[in-house]
Structures are given as C-alpha cells and as structure tokens.
Amino acid sequence: MGRITLGLLLLASLAYPKEWSLHISGMHCIACTLAVKKALLSVHGVQEAKVNFKNESALVNTEDTVNLKMMQDAVAQTGYTATLATQNTKSN
C-alpha cells in the first residue's frame, strides 16, 4: 500500500510542475470566487485552482505549458484582474 501512495505522490508532482500564487483584484463574494475558479480551470493545462475572495488570491497548479498571460486572459473575461504573486516550480 505504501508503494502505491508513493507512486501517486510522484505522479502528482510530475503532473503539476508549476504552482502559481495570483492576486485577483475586485473579488467581493462567493460568486466572484466561483467565476474566477471556473475561468482558471478553463485554461488548458490548469489542473487545480483554489480561489479565496477574502484574500483576493488564487493558488493554481498547472502543467508546464501554462503561462501567466493565459491565466490573466481567462480571468479578465470574468471582469477581474490577475497579477503574479509568486510562481514555484516543484522539484521532483
């Protein structure tokens, strides 16, 4: 069982090589959060998005092919602005 868990963790680290922390301007409620999350998840290569309206932030896990402009364009279509807080490349 331990080997399976380790294998799944390794797969997860390979599947999500980038972790982005974004500042999302203008969110005020849960509906804002859902709109931004849906927009981010619509970007090809975005695997996970955790959005928090209180902090006006989003934590996004992506494949290596995703860049900031792709996410900014998707968020802009919802009427919000995304700027980079941090980006980390996960080490394997």
PDB file of N, CA and C in Angstrom:
ATOM      1  N   MET A   1       0.822  -1.198   0.000  1.00  0.00           N
ATOM      2  CA  MET A   1       0.000   0.000   0.000  1.00  0.00           C
ATOM      3  C   MET A   1       0.864   1.258   0.000  1.00  0.00           C
ATOM      4  N   GLY A   2       1.970   1.250   0.738  1.00  0.00           N
ATOM      5  CA  GLY A   2       2.858   2.399   0.805  1.00  0.00           C
ATOM      6  C   GLY A   2       3.472   2.739  -0.538  1.00  0.00           C
ATOM      7  N   ARG A   3       3.803   1.713  -1.322  1.00  0.00           N
ATOM      8  CA  ARG A   3       4.397   1.946  -2.641  1.00  0.00           C
ATOM      9  C   ARG A   3       3.394   2.620  -3.582  1.00  0.00           C
ATOM     10  N   ILE A   4       2.143   2.250  -3.468  1.00  0.00           N
ATOM     11  CA  ILE A   4       1.105   2.858  -4.307  1.00  0.00           C
ATOM     12  C   ILE A   4       0.967   4.335  -3.966  1.00  0.00           C
ATOM     13  N   THR A   5       0.937   4.647  -2.691  1.00  0.00           N
ATOM     14  CA  THR A   5       0.826   6.038  -2.263  1.00  0.00           C
ATOM     15  C   THR A   5       2.026   6.850  -2.744  1.00  0.00           C
ATOM     16  N   LEU A   6       3.219   6.301  -2.590  1.00  0.00           N
ATOM     17  CA  LEU A   6       4.424   6.982  -3.050  1.00  0.00           C
ATOM     18  C   LEU A   6       4.378   7.202  -4.560  1.00  0.00           C
ATOM     19  N   GLY A   7       3.910   6.203  -5.290  1.00  0.00           N
ATOM     20  CA  GLY A   7       3.781   6.324  -6.738  1.00  0.00           C
ATOM     21  C   GLY A   7       2.797   7.404  -7.139  1.00  0.00           C
ATOM     22  N   LEU A   8       1.681   7.479  -6.427  1.00  0.00           N
ATOM     23  CA  LEU A   8       0.685   8.513  -6.715  1.00  0.00           C
ATOM     24  C   LEU A   8       1.223   9.904  -6.401  1.00  0.00           C
ATOM     25  N   LEU A   9       1.977  10.029  -5.323  1.00  0.00           N
ATOM     26  CA  LEU A   9       2.581  11.322  -4.995  1.00  0.00           C
ATOM     27  C   LEU A   9       3.589  11.740  -6.053  1.00  0.00           C
ATOM     28  N   LEU A  10       4.362  10.796  -6.557  1.00  0.00           N
ATOM     29  CA  LEU A  10       5.317  11.088  -7.613  1.00  0.00           C
ATOM     30  C   LEU A  10       4.593  11.524  -8.880  1.00  0.00           C
ATOM     31  N   LEU A  11       3.523  10.816  -9.217  1.00  0.00           N
ATOM     32  CA  LEU A  11       2.727  11.192 -10.390  1.00  0.00           C
ATOM     33  C   LEU A  11       2.157  12.600 -10.231  1.00  0.00           C
ATOM     34  N   ALA A  12       1.670  12.921  -9.054  1.00  0.00           N
ATOM     35  CA  ALA A  12       1.103  14.243  -8.805  1.00  0.00           C
ATOM     36  C   ALA A  12       2.166  15.322  -8.970  1.00  0.00           C
ATOM     37  N   SER A  13       3.377  15.063  -8.502  1.00  0.00           N
ATOM     38  CA  SER A  13       4.422  16.076  -8.640  1.00  0.00           C
ATOM     39  C   SER A  13       4.837  16.250 -10.088  1.00  0.00           C
ATOM     40  N   LEU A  14       4.738  15.204 -10.893  1.00  0.00           N
ATOM     41  CA  LEU A  14       5.045  15.307 -12.310  1.00  0.00           C
ATOM     42  C   LEU A  14       3.912  15.986 -13.066  1.00  0.00           C
ATOM     43  N   ALA A  15       2.690  15.768 -12.631  1.00  0.00           N
ATOM     44  CA  ALA A  15       1.520  16.314 -13.322  1.00  0.00           C
ATOM     45  C   ALA A  15       1.359  17.811 -13.064  1.00  0.00           C
ATOM     46  N   TYR A  16       1.837  18.299 -11.936  1.00  0.00           N
ATOM     47  CA  TYR A  16       1.665  19.707 -11.583  1.00  0.00           C
ATOM     48  C   TYR A  16       3.030  20.351 -11.335  1.00  0.00           C
ATOM     49  N   PRO A  17       3.822  20.576 -12.383  1.00  0.00           N
ATOM     50  CA  PRO A  17       5.168  21.101 -12.149  1.00  0.00           C
ATOM     51  C   PRO A  17       5.210  22.555 -11.700  1.00  0.00           C
ATOM     52  N   LYS A  18       4.131  23.297 -11.905  1.00  0.00           N
ATOM     53  CA  LYS A  18       4.142  24.706 -11.504  1.00  0.00           C
ATOM     54  C   LYS A  18       3.020  24.994 -10.522  1.00  0.00           C
ATOM     55  N   GLU A  19       3.348  25.800  -9.555  1.00  0.00           N
ATOM     56  CA  GLU A  19       2.363  26.288  -8.597  1.00  0.00           C
ATOM     57  C   GLU A  19       2.436  27.808  -8.630  1.00  0.00           C
ATOM     58  N   TRP A  20       1.321  28.436  -8.934  1.00  0.00           N
ATOM     59  CA  TRP A  20       1.252  29.882  -9.076  1.00  0.00           C
ATOM     60  C   TRP A  20       0.420  30.462  -7.933  1.00  0.00           C
ATOM     61  N   SER A  21       0.853  31.576  -7.427  1.00  0.00           N
ATOM     62  CA  SER A  21       0.064  32.334  -6.470  1.00  0.00           C
ATOM     63  C   SER A  21      -0.291  33.642  -7.163  1.00  0.00           C
ATOM     64  N   LEU A  22      -1.577  33.868  -7.352  1.00  0.00           N
ATOM     65  CA  LEU A  22      -2.049  35.047  -8.067  1.00  0.00           C
ATOM     66  C   LEU A  22      -2.822  35.970  -7.140  1.00  0.00           C
ATOM     67  N   HIS A  23      -2.712  37.260  -7.399  1.00  0.00           N
ATOM     68  CA  HIS A  23      -3.565  38.245  -6.739  1.00  0.00           C
ATOM     69  C   HIS A  23      -4.692  38.559  -7.728  1.00  0.00           C
ATOM     70  N   ILE A  24      -5.933  38.418  -7.274  1.00  0.00           N
ATOM     71  CA  ILE A  24      -7.090  38.676  -8.128  1.00  0.00           C
ATOM     72  C   ILE A  24      -7.791  39.928  -7.601  1.00  0.00           C
ATOM     73  N   SER A  25      -7.758  40.986  -8.381  1.00  0.00           N
ATOM     74  CA  SER A  25      -8.354  42.259  -7.948  1.00  0.00           C
ATOM     75  C   SER A  25      -9.861  42.283  -8.203  1.00  0.00           C
ATOM     76  N   GLY A  26     -10.605  42.752  -7.207  1.00  0.00           N
ATOM     77  CA  GLY A  26     -12.020  43.029  -7.392  1.00  0.00           C
ATOM     78  C   GLY A  26     -13.002  41.996  -6.887  1.00  0.00           C
ATOM     79  N   MET A  27     -12.538  40.885  -6.343  1.00  0.00           N
ATOM     80  CA  MET A  27     -13.481  39.870  -5.854  1.00  0.00           C
ATOM     81  C   MET A  27     -14.085  40.313  -4.524  1.00  0.00           C
ATOM     82  N   HIS A  28     -15.411  40.116  -4.391  1.00  0.00           N
ATOM     83  CA  HIS A  28     -16.095  40.538  -3.176  1.00  0.00           C
ATOM     84  C   HIS A  28     -16.981  39.461  -2.551  1.00  0.00           C
ATOM     85  N   CYS A  29     -17.199  38.347  -3.267  1.00  0.00           N
ATOM     86  CA  CYS A  29     -18.157  37.371  -2.765  1.00  0.00           C
ATOM     87  C   CYS A  29     -17.868  35.969  -3.315  1.00  0.00           C
ATOM     88  N   ILE A  30     -18.657  35.014  -2.874  1.00  0.00           N
ATOM     89  CA  ILE A  30     -18.507  33.624  -3.320  1.00  0.00           C
ATOM     90  C   ILE A  30     -18.747  33.509  -4.824  1.00  0.00           C
ATOM     91  N   ALA A  31     -19.691  34.256  -5.356  1.00  0.00           N
ATOM     92  CA  ALA A  31     -19.956  34.201  -6.795  1.00  0.00           C
ATOM     93  C   ALA A  31     -18.724  34.639  -7.584  1.00  0.00           C
ATOM     94  N   CYS A  32     -18.021  35.645  -7.079  1.00  0.00           N
ATOM     95  CA  CYS A  32     -16.772  36.091  -7.714  1.00  0.00           C
ATOM     96  C   CYS A  32     -15.766  34.945  -7.717  1.00  0.00           C
ATOM     97  N   THR A  33     -15.647  34.287  -6.580  1.00  0.00           N
ATOM     98  CA  THR A  33     -14.717  33.170  -6.429  1.00  0.00           C
ATOM     99  C   THR A  33     -15.022  32.080  -7.448  1.00  0.00           C
ATOM    100  N   LEU A  34     -16.287  31.732  -7.571  1.00  0.00           N
ATOM    101  CA  LEU A  34     -16.680  30.665  -8.498  1.00  0.00           C
ATOM    102  C   LEU A  34     -16.413  31.048  -9.948  1.00  0.00           C
ATOM    103  N   ALA A  35     -16.656  32.301 -10.298  1.00  0.00           N
ATOM    104  CA  ALA A  35     -16.419  32.765 -11.672  1.00  0.00           C
ATOM    105  C   ALA A  35     -14.933  32.705 -12.010  1.00  0.00           C
ATOM    106  N   VAL A  36     -14.091  33.157 -11.090  1.00  0.00           N
ATOM    107  CA  VAL A  36     -12.642  33.147 -11.326  1.00  0.00           C
ATOM    108  C   VAL A  36     -12.123  31.714 -11.381  1.00  0.00           C
ATOM    109  N   LYS A  37     -12.590  30.869 -10.475  1.00  0.00           N
ATOM    110  CA  LYS A  37     -12.154  29.471 -10.475  1.00  0.00           C
ATOM    111  C   LYS A  37     -12.535  28.784 -11.788  1.00  0.00           C
ATOM    112  N   LYS A  38     -13.753  28.996 -12.237  1.00  0.00           N
ATOM    113  CA  LYS A  38     -14.205  28.406 -13.497  1.00  0.00           C
ATOM    114  C   LYS A  38     -13.346  28.896 -14.663  1.00  0.00           C
ATOM    115  N   ALA A  39     -13.025  30.180 -14.664  1.00  0.00           N
ATOM    116  CA  ALA A  39     -12.192  30.741 -15.729  1.00  0.00           C
ATOM    117  C   ALA A  39     -10.800  30.125 -15.719  1.00  0.00           C
ATOM    118  N   LEU A  40     -10.210  30.005 -14.545  1.00  0.00           N
ATOM    119  CA  LEU A  40      -8.872  29.423 -14.451  1.00  0.00           C
ATOM    120  C   LEU A  40      -8.869  27.959 -14.888  1.00  0.00           C
ATOM    121  N   LEU A  41      -9.876  27.215 -14.473  1.00  0.00           N
ATOM    122  CA  LEU A  41      -9.947  25.792 -14.836  1.00  0.00           C
ATOM    123  C   LEU A  41     -10.221  25.593 -16.324  1.00  0.00           C
ATOM    124  N   SER A  42     -10.700  26.629 -16.986  1.00  0.00           N
ATOM    125  CA  SER A  42     -10.952  26.518 -18.426  1.00  0.00           C
ATOM    126  C   SER A  42      -9.662  26.612 -19.253  1.00  0.00           C
ATOM    127  N   VAL A  43      -8.587  27.056 -18.630  1.00  0.00           N
ATOM    128  CA  VAL A  43      -7.296  27.163 -19.323  1.00  0.00           C
ATOM    129  C   VAL A  43      -6.708  25.766 -19.465  1.00  0.00           C
ATOM    130  N   HIS A  44      -6.375  25.390 -20.695  1.00  0.00           N
ATOM    131  CA  HIS A  44      -5.804  24.066 -20.945  1.00  0.00           C
ATOM    132  C   HIS A  44      -4.478  23.940 -20.190  1.00  0.00           C
ATOM    133  N   GLY A  45      -4.385  22.937 -19.332  1.00  0.00           N
ATOM    134  CA  GLY A  45      -3.175  22.708 -18.550  1.00  0.00           C
ATOM    135  C   GLY A  45      -3.304  23.107 -17.095  1.00  0.00           C
ATOM    136  N   VAL A  46      -4.371  23.841 -16.748  1.00  0.00           N
ATOM    137  CA  VAL A  46      -4.621  24.149 -15.336  1.00  0.00           C
ATOM    138  C   VAL A  46      -5.290  22.923 -14.719  1.00  0.00           C
ATOM    139  N   GLN A  47      -4.672  22.406 -13.678  1.00  0.00           N
ATOM    140  CA  GLN A  47      -5.159  21.187 -13.049  1.00  0.00           C
ATOM    141  C   GLN A  47      -5.995  21.448 -11.792  1.00  0.00           C
ATOM    142  N   GLU A  48      -5.655  22.513 -11.084  1.00  0.00           N
ATOM    143  CA  GLU A  48      -6.352  22.810  -9.835  1.00  0.00           C
ATOM    144  C   GLU A  48      -6.285  24.302  -9.575  1.00  0.00           C
ATOM    145  N   ALA A  49      -7.366  24.864  -9.068  1.00  0.00           N
ATOM    146  CA  ALA A  49      -7.390  26.284  -8.711  1.00  0.00           C
ATOM    147  C   ALA A  49      -8.155  26.447  -7.398  1.00  0.00           C
ATOM    148  N   LYS A  50      -7.505  27.057  -6.431  1.00  0.00           N
ATOM    149  CA  LYS A  50      -8.131  27.377  -5.154  1.00  0.00           C
ATOM    150  C   LYS A  50      -8.201  28.894  -5.073  1.00  0.00           C
ATOM    151  N   VAL A  51      -9.412  29.419  -5.029  1.00  0.00           N
ATOM    152  CA  VAL A  51      -9.621  30.869  -5.076  1.00  0.00           C
ATOM    153  C   VAL A  51     -10.245  31.331  -3.769  1.00  0.00           C
ATOM    154  N   ASN A  52      -9.752  32.452  -3.231  1.00  0.00           N
ATOM    155  CA  ASN A  52     -10.228  32.991  -1.961  1.00  0.00           C
ATOM    156  C   ASN A  52     -10.562  34.469  -2.155  1.00  0.00           C
ATOM    157  N   PHE A  53     -11.851  34.810  -2.061  1.00  0.00           N
ATOM    158  CA  PHE A  53     -12.237  36.203  -2.287  1.00  0.00           C
ATOM    159  C   PHE A  53     -11.803  37.113  -1.144  1.00  0.00           C
ATOM    160  N   LYS A  54     -11.751  36.612   0.068  1.00  0.00           N
ATOM    161  CA  LYS A  54     -11.360  37.455   1.208  1.00  0.00           C
ATOM    162  C   LYS A  54      -9.923  37.944   1.069  1.00  0.00           C
ATOM    163  N   ASN A  55      -9.050  37.069   0.583  1.00  0.00           N
ATOM    164  CA  ASN A  55      -7.642  37.430   0.387  1.00  0.00           C
ATOM    165  C   ASN A  55      -7.369  37.940  -1.020  1.00  0.00           C
ATOM    166  N   GLU A  56      -8.392  37.911  -1.866  1.00  0.00           N
ATOM    167  CA  GLU A  56      -8.249  38.238  -3.286  1.00  0.00           C
ATOM    168  C   GLU A  56      -7.069  37.472  -3.888  1.00  0.00           C
ATOM    169  N   SER A  57      -7.087  36.148  -3.673  1.00  0.00           N
ATOM    170  CA  SER A  57      -5.963  35.334  -4.120  1.00  0.00           C
ATOM    171  C   SER A  57      -6.435  34.056  -4.796  1.00  0.00           C
ATOM    172  N   ALA A  58      -5.515  33.487  -5.572  1.00  0.00           N
ATOM    173  CA  ALA A  58      -5.747  32.189  -6.187  1.00  0.00           C
ATOM    174  C   ALA A  58      -4.443  31.417  -6.152  1.00  0.00           C
ATOM    175  N   LEU A  59      -4.525  30.152  -5.780  1.00  0.00           N
ATOM    176  CA  LEU A  59      -3.394  29.233  -5.819  1.00  0.00           C
ATOM    177  C   LEU A  59      -3.707  28.251  -6.937  1.00  0.00           C
ATOM    178  N   VAL A  60      -2.852  28.208  -7.955  1.00  0.00           N
ATOM    179  CA  VAL A  60      -3.149  27.453  -9.165  1.00  0.00           C
ATOM    180  C   VAL A  60      -2.021  26.469  -9.456  1.00  0.00           C
ATOM    181  N   ASN A  61      -2.377  25.204  -9.657  1.00  0.00           N
ATOM    182  CA  ASN A  61      -1.424  24.177 -10.064  1.00  0.00           C
ATOM    183  C   ASN A  61      -1.620  23.908 -11.545  1.00  0.00           C
ATOM    184  N   THR A  62      -0.509  23.957 -12.282  1.00  0.00           N
ATOM    185  CA  THR A  62      -0.597  23.828 -13.731  1.00  0.00           C
ATOM    186  C   THR A  62       0.458  22.885 -14.288  1.00  0.00           C
ATOM    187  N   GLU A  63       0.224  22.488 -15.516  1.00  0.00           N
ATOM    188  CA  GLU A  63       1.248  21.809 -16.278  1.00  0.00           C
ATOM    189  C   GLU A  63       2.271  22.845 -16.707  1.00  0.00           C
ATOM    190  N   ASP A  64       3.393  22.384 -17.181  1.00  0.00           N
ATOM    191  CA  ASP A  64       4.490  23.262 -17.584  1.00  0.00           C
ATOM    192  C   ASP A  64       4.128  24.186 -18.751  1.00  0.00           C
ATOM    193  N   THR A  65       3.120  23.844 -19.511  1.00  0.00           N
ATOM    194  CA  THR A  65       2.767  24.591 -20.716  1.00  0.00           C
ATOM    195  C   THR A  65       1.976  25.870 -20.435  1.00  0.00           C
ATOM    196  N   VAL A  66       1.490  26.038 -19.222  1.00  0.00           N
ATOM    197  CA  VAL A  66       0.659  27.199 -18.878  1.00  0.00           C
ATOM    198  C   VAL A  66       1.555  28.390 -18.528  1.00  0.00           C
ATOM    199  N   ASN A  67       1.171  29.562 -19.026  1.00  0.00           N
ATOM    200  CA  ASN A  67       1.906  30.766 -18.653  1.00  0.00           C
ATOM    201  C   ASN A  67       0.943  31.774 -18.026  1.00  0.00           C
ATOM    202  N   LEU A  68       1.520  32.818 -17.468  1.00  0.00           N
ATOM    203  CA  LEU A  68       0.730  33.818 -16.747  1.00  0.00           C
ATOM    204  C   LEU A  68      -0.296  34.488 -17.644  1.00  0.00           C
ATOM    205  N   LYS A  69       0.082  34.834 -18.868  1.00  0.00           N
ATOM    206  CA  LYS A  69      -0.836  35.529 -19.775  1.00  0.00           C
ATOM    207  C   LYS A  69      -2.088  34.705 -20.045  1.00  0.00           C
ATOM    208  N   MET A  70      -1.945  33.401 -20.177  1.00  0.00           N
ATOM    209  CA  MET A  70      -3.103  32.536 -20.421  1.00  0.00           C
ATOM    210  C   MET A  70      -4.109  32.657 -19.276  1.00  0.00           C
ATOM    211  N   MET A  71      -3.597  32.649 -18.050  1.00  0.00           N
ATOM    212  CA  MET A  71      -4.480  32.753 -16.883  1.00  0.00           C
ATOM    213  C   MET A  71      -5.044  34.162 -16.753  1.00  0.00           C
ATOM    214  N   GLN A  72      -4.214  35.174 -17.013  1.00  0.00           N
ATOM    215  CA  GLN A  72      -4.693  36.557 -16.941  1.00  0.00           C
ATOM    216  C   GLN A  72      -5.812  36.808 -17.942  1.00  0.00           C
ATOM    217  N   ASP A  73      -5.666  36.292 -19.154  1.00  0.00           N
ATOM    218  CA  ASP A  73      -6.699  36.470 -20.176  1.00  0.00           C
ATOM    219  C   ASP A  73      -8.010  35.812 -19.757  1.00  0.00           C
ATOM    220  N   ALA A  74      -7.920  34.615 -19.191  1.00  0.00           N
ATOM    221  CA  ALA A  74      -9.134  33.917 -18.747  1.00  0.00           C
ATOM    222  C   ALA A  74      -9.826  34.682 -17.626  1.00  0.00           C
ATOM    223  N   VAL A  75      -9.048  35.166 -16.662  1.00  0.00           N
ATOM    224  CA  VAL A  75      -9.611  35.914 -15.533  1.00  0.00           C
ATOM    225  C   VAL A  75     -10.200  37.242 -16.020  1.00  0.00           C
ATOM    226  N   ALA A  76      -9.537  37.897 -16.963  1.00  0.00           N
ATOM    227  CA  ALA A  76     -10.026  39.176 -17.498  1.00  0.00           C
ATOM    228  C   ALA A  76     -11.402  39.023 -18.132  1.00  0.00           C
ATOM    229  N   GLN A  77     -11.687  37.866 -18.716  1.00  0.00           N
ATOM    230  CA  GLN A  77     -13.001  37.634 -19.328  1.00  0.00           C
ATOM    231  C   GLN A  77     -14.120  37.617 -18.291  1.00  0.00           C
ATOM    232  N   THR A  78     -13.768  37.438 -17.027  1.00  0.00           N
ATOM    233  CA  THR A  78     -14.769  37.462 -15.957  1.00  0.00           C
ATOM    234  C   THR A  78     -14.902  38.849 -15.333  1.00  0.00           C
ATOM    235  N   GLY A  79     -14.032  39.784 -15.774  1.00  0.00           N
ATOM    236  CA  GLY A  79     -14.101  41.142 -15.261  1.00  0.00           C
ATOM    237  C   GLY A  79     -13.137  41.436 -14.128  1.00  0.00           C
ATOM    238  N   TYR A  80     -12.228  40.530 -13.844  1.00  0.00           N
ATOM    239  CA  TYR A  80     -11.251  40.711 -12.772  1.00  0.00           C
ATOM    240  C   TYR A  80      -9.853  40.796 -13.366  1.00  0.00           C
ATOM    241  N   THR A  81      -8.905  41.195 -12.527  1.00  0.00           N
ATOM    242  CA  THR A  81      -7.519  41.312 -12.964  1.00  0.00           C
ATOM    243  C   THR A  81      -6.649  40.378 -12.137  1.00  0.00           C
ATOM    244  N   ALA A  82      -5.798  39.608 -12.818  1.00  0.00           N
ATOM    245  CA  ALA A  82      -4.880  38.688 -12.140  1.00  0.00           C
ATOM    246  C   ALA A  82      -3.449  39.185 -12.313  1.00  0.00           C
ATOM    247  N   THR A  83      -2.729  39.238 -11.199  1.00  0.00           N
ATOM    248  CA  THR A  83      -1.312  39.562 -11.238  1.00  0.00           C
ATOM    249  C   THR A  83      -0.547  38.488 -10.478  1.00  0.00           C
ATOM    250  N   LEU A  84       0.698  38.341 -10.824  1.00  0.00           N
ATOM    251  CA  LEU A  84       1.517  37.296 -10.222  1.00  0.00           C
ATOM    252  C   LEU A  84       1.946  37.692  -8.819  1.00  0.00           C
ATOM    253  N   ALA A  85       1.687  36.803  -7.873  1.00  0.00           N
ATOM    254  CA  ALA A  85       2.226  36.975  -6.528  1.00  0.00           C
ATOM    255  C   ALA A  85       3.526  36.174  -6.451  1.00  0.00           C
ATOM    256  N   THR A  86       3.456  34.853  -6.765  1.00  0.00           N
ATOM    257  CA  THR A  86       4.656  34.011  -6.826  1.00  0.00           C
ATOM    258  C   THR A  86       4.427  32.847  -7.765  1.00  0.00           C
ATOM    259  N   GLN A  87       5.505  32.273  -8.233  1.00  0.00           N
ATOM    260  CA  GLN A  87       5.450  31.054  -9.038  1.00  0.00           C
ATOM    261  C   GLN A  87       6.548  30.136  -8.534  1.00  0.00           C
ATOM    262  N   ASN A  88       6.223  28.898  -8.252  1.00  0.00           N
ATOM    263  CA  ASN A  88       7.221  27.918  -7.811  1.00  0.00           C
ATOM    264  C   ASN A  88       7.202  26.740  -8.757  1.00  0.00           C
ATOM    265  N   THR A  89       8.392  26.274  -9.114  1.00  0.00           N
ATOM    266  CA  THR A  89       8.492  25.027  -9.871  1.00  0.00           C
ATOM    267  C   THR A  89       8.765  23.956  -8.843  1.00  0.00           C
ATOM    268  N   LYS A  90       7.906  22.972  -8.792  1.00  0.00           N
ATOM    269  CA  LYS A  90       8.071  21.890  -7.822  1.00  0.00           C
ATOM    270  C   LYS A  90       9.247  21.028  -8.233  1.00  0.00           C
ATOM    271  N   SER A  91      10.071  20.679  -7.263  1.00  0.00           N
ATOM    272  CA  SER A  91      11.196  19.799  -7.578  1.00  0.00           C
ATOM    273  C   SER A  91      10.752  18.350  -7.442  1.00  0.00           C
ATOM    274  N   ASN A  92      11.243  17.533  -8.352  1.00  0.00           N
ATOM    275  CA  ASN A  92      10.850  16.127  -8.373  1.00  0.00           C
ATOM    276  C   ASN A  92      11.774  15.342  -7.529  1.00  0.00           C
TER     277      ASN A  92
END
